[in-house]
Protein backbone atom coordinates (compact mmCIF):
# COMPACT_ATOMS: atom_id res chain seq x y z
CA MET A 1 127.52 -1.81 125.75
CA LYS A 2 125.56 1.49 126.20
CA GLU A 3 127.61 2.40 129.00
CA GLN A 4 130.89 1.77 126.89
CA LEU A 5 129.46 4.11 123.75
CA SER A 6 129.02 6.97 126.05
CA GLU A 7 132.27 6.83 127.54
CA LEU A 8 133.85 7.15 123.85
CA PRO A 9 135.44 10.80 123.25
CA GLN A 10 133.28 12.75 121.20
CA PHE A 11 134.77 13.75 117.79
CA TRP A 12 132.36 16.01 116.39
CA GLN A 13 128.61 17.74 117.26
CA ARG A 14 125.80 19.33 115.35
CA LEU A 15 126.36 22.97 114.72
CA ASP A 16 123.16 23.99 116.33
CA THR A 17 123.91 22.38 119.48
CA TRP A 18 127.45 23.76 119.59
CA LEU A 19 126.11 27.27 119.39
CA TRP A 20 123.63 26.67 121.85
CA ALA A 21 126.43 25.00 124.34
CA ALA A 22 128.88 27.76 123.57
CA ARG A 23 125.90 30.36 124.54
CA PHE A 24 125.95 32.23 121.16
CA TYR A 25 122.30 31.62 121.04
CA LYS A 26 119.69 30.73 123.99
CA THR A 27 118.01 27.98 122.51
CA ARG A 28 118.69 25.44 119.85
CA SER A 29 115.79 26.52 117.73
CA LEU A 30 117.03 30.29 117.61
CA ALA A 31 120.48 28.71 116.39
CA LYS A 32 118.75 26.71 113.89
CA GLU A 33 117.03 29.71 112.44
CA ALA A 34 120.15 31.81 112.50
CA ILE A 35 121.75 28.97 110.33
CA GLU A 36 118.95 28.60 107.96
CA GLY A 37 118.94 32.46 107.45
CA GLY A 38 122.62 32.07 106.32
CA LYS A 39 124.16 33.85 109.54
CA ILE A 40 126.43 31.23 110.08
CA LYS A 41 129.21 29.65 107.96
CA LEU A 42 131.42 26.77 108.73
CA ASN A 43 134.89 26.54 107.07
CA ASP A 44 133.80 29.35 104.63
CA HIS A 45 130.76 27.45 103.45
CA ALA A 46 126.98 27.42 104.07
CA ALA A 47 126.06 25.41 106.94
CA LYS A 48 123.18 23.28 107.82
CA ALA A 49 122.23 22.71 111.55
CA ALA A 50 123.18 19.13 111.21
CA SER A 51 126.55 20.04 110.06
CA ARG A 52 129.41 18.59 112.00
CA VAL A 53 131.55 20.88 114.11
CA LYS A 54 135.04 19.71 115.09
CA PRO A 55 137.67 21.39 117.04
CA ASP A 56 139.71 23.36 114.67
CA ASP A 57 136.74 24.37 112.41
CA ILE A 58 136.21 27.89 111.83
CA LEU A 59 133.14 29.56 112.09
CA HIS A 60 131.79 33.04 110.86
CA ILE A 61 128.79 34.07 113.14
CA SER A 62 126.80 37.24 112.08
CA ARG A 63 124.63 38.17 115.12
CA ALA A 64 122.94 41.71 115.82
CA GLY A 65 125.06 43.59 113.70
CA GLU A 66 128.38 42.02 114.83
CA VAL A 67 130.40 39.44 112.74
CA TRP A 68 132.64 36.92 114.76
CA CYS A 69 135.38 34.81 113.37
CA ILE A 70 135.52 31.82 116.00
CA HIS A 71 138.10 28.97 115.95
CA VAL A 72 136.28 25.86 117.58
CA LEU A 73 138.57 24.66 120.38
CA GLY A 74 136.16 22.08 122.14
CA LEU A 75 132.92 20.44 122.12
CA ASN A 76 130.29 20.22 124.86
CA GLU A 77 126.81 18.58 124.79
CA LYS A 78 125.47 20.38 127.90
CA ARG A 79 125.02 24.23 128.14
CA ARG A 80 127.52 25.17 131.05
CA PRO A 81 128.15 28.45 132.67
CA ALA A 82 129.52 31.10 130.40
CA SER A 83 133.08 30.86 131.97
CA GLU A 84 133.04 27.12 130.61
CA ALA A 85 131.52 28.03 127.41
CA GLU A 86 133.91 30.49 126.82
CA ALA A 87 136.65 27.70 126.71
CA LEU A 88 135.15 26.11 123.53
CA TYR A 89 136.20 28.67 121.13
CA ARG A 90 138.84 31.55 120.48
CA GLU A 91 138.23 34.68 118.81
CA ASP A 92 140.23 35.76 116.07
CA SER A 93 142.02 38.88 117.03
CA THR A 94 140.97 40.92 114.12
CA SER A 95 137.41 39.85 114.31
CA GLN A 96 137.62 41.17 118.04
CA ALA A 97 138.97 44.45 117.23
CA ARG A 98 136.52 44.96 114.57
CA ARG A 99 133.82 44.18 116.85
CA LEU A 100 134.83 46.38 119.49
CA HIS A 101 135.57 49.28 117.06
CA GLU A 102 132.12 48.85 115.60
CA GLN A 103 130.39 48.95 119.02
CA GLU A 104 132.00 52.35 119.76
CA LEU A 105 131.01 53.51 116.54
CA ARG A 106 127.25 52.42 117.17
CA LYS A 107 127.52 54.31 120.66
CA LEU A 108 128.90 57.06 119.31
CA ASN A 109 125.96 57.08 116.73
CA THR A 110 123.51 57.04 119.45
CA ILE A 111 125.28 59.93 121.32
CA GLU A 112 125.12 62.23 118.01
CA HIS A 113 121.77 61.55 117.18
CA SER A 114 120.52 62.11 120.81
CA HIS A 115 118.64 65.75 121.51
CA GLN A 116 120.88 66.18 124.49
CA ARG A 117 124.25 67.48 125.29
CA PRO A 118 126.70 64.35 125.92
CA ASN A 119 127.66 63.54 129.49
CA SER A 120 131.06 63.05 130.72
CA HIS A 121 130.97 59.35 129.66
CA ALA A 122 129.95 60.48 126.03
CA ARG A 123 132.27 63.12 125.95
CA GLU A 124 135.13 60.82 126.97
CA LEU A 125 134.06 58.20 123.97
CA LEU A 126 134.07 61.12 121.58
CA ARG A 127 137.46 62.39 122.64
CA ARG A 128 138.79 58.77 122.48
CA LEU A 129 137.32 57.81 119.13
CA ARG A 130 138.80 61.07 117.50
CA GLY A 131 142.26 60.33 118.91
CA LYS A 132 142.25 63.25 121.26
CA SER A 133 142.73 61.16 124.51
């Protein structure tokens, strides 16, 4: 009987285990802390670690100054390689564009606040952000 239960398709998963399996957090306890800290929203509502995640759910994840808008595509109880973990979700295109833009702004901010002249890589970033190709 137990073997038959384990073979049944999985329809939902705990939020903390999904975040861990999708490699957003290194441990379940870190995922749980983020959830309890209000950094994760499930379908635009506050979530708990034991909230049920299903395919087609939408997650808003605030992590390290970045905000991700994720569409859940699949479930996985085990933590697999990053290439397989990326198949569990799809990031919204506007979310991805906003995150990349904010990353470049942070790089620019560190360049402008350094006490050295910018190197060639930094100058290229500055040109690109100012729209001067």
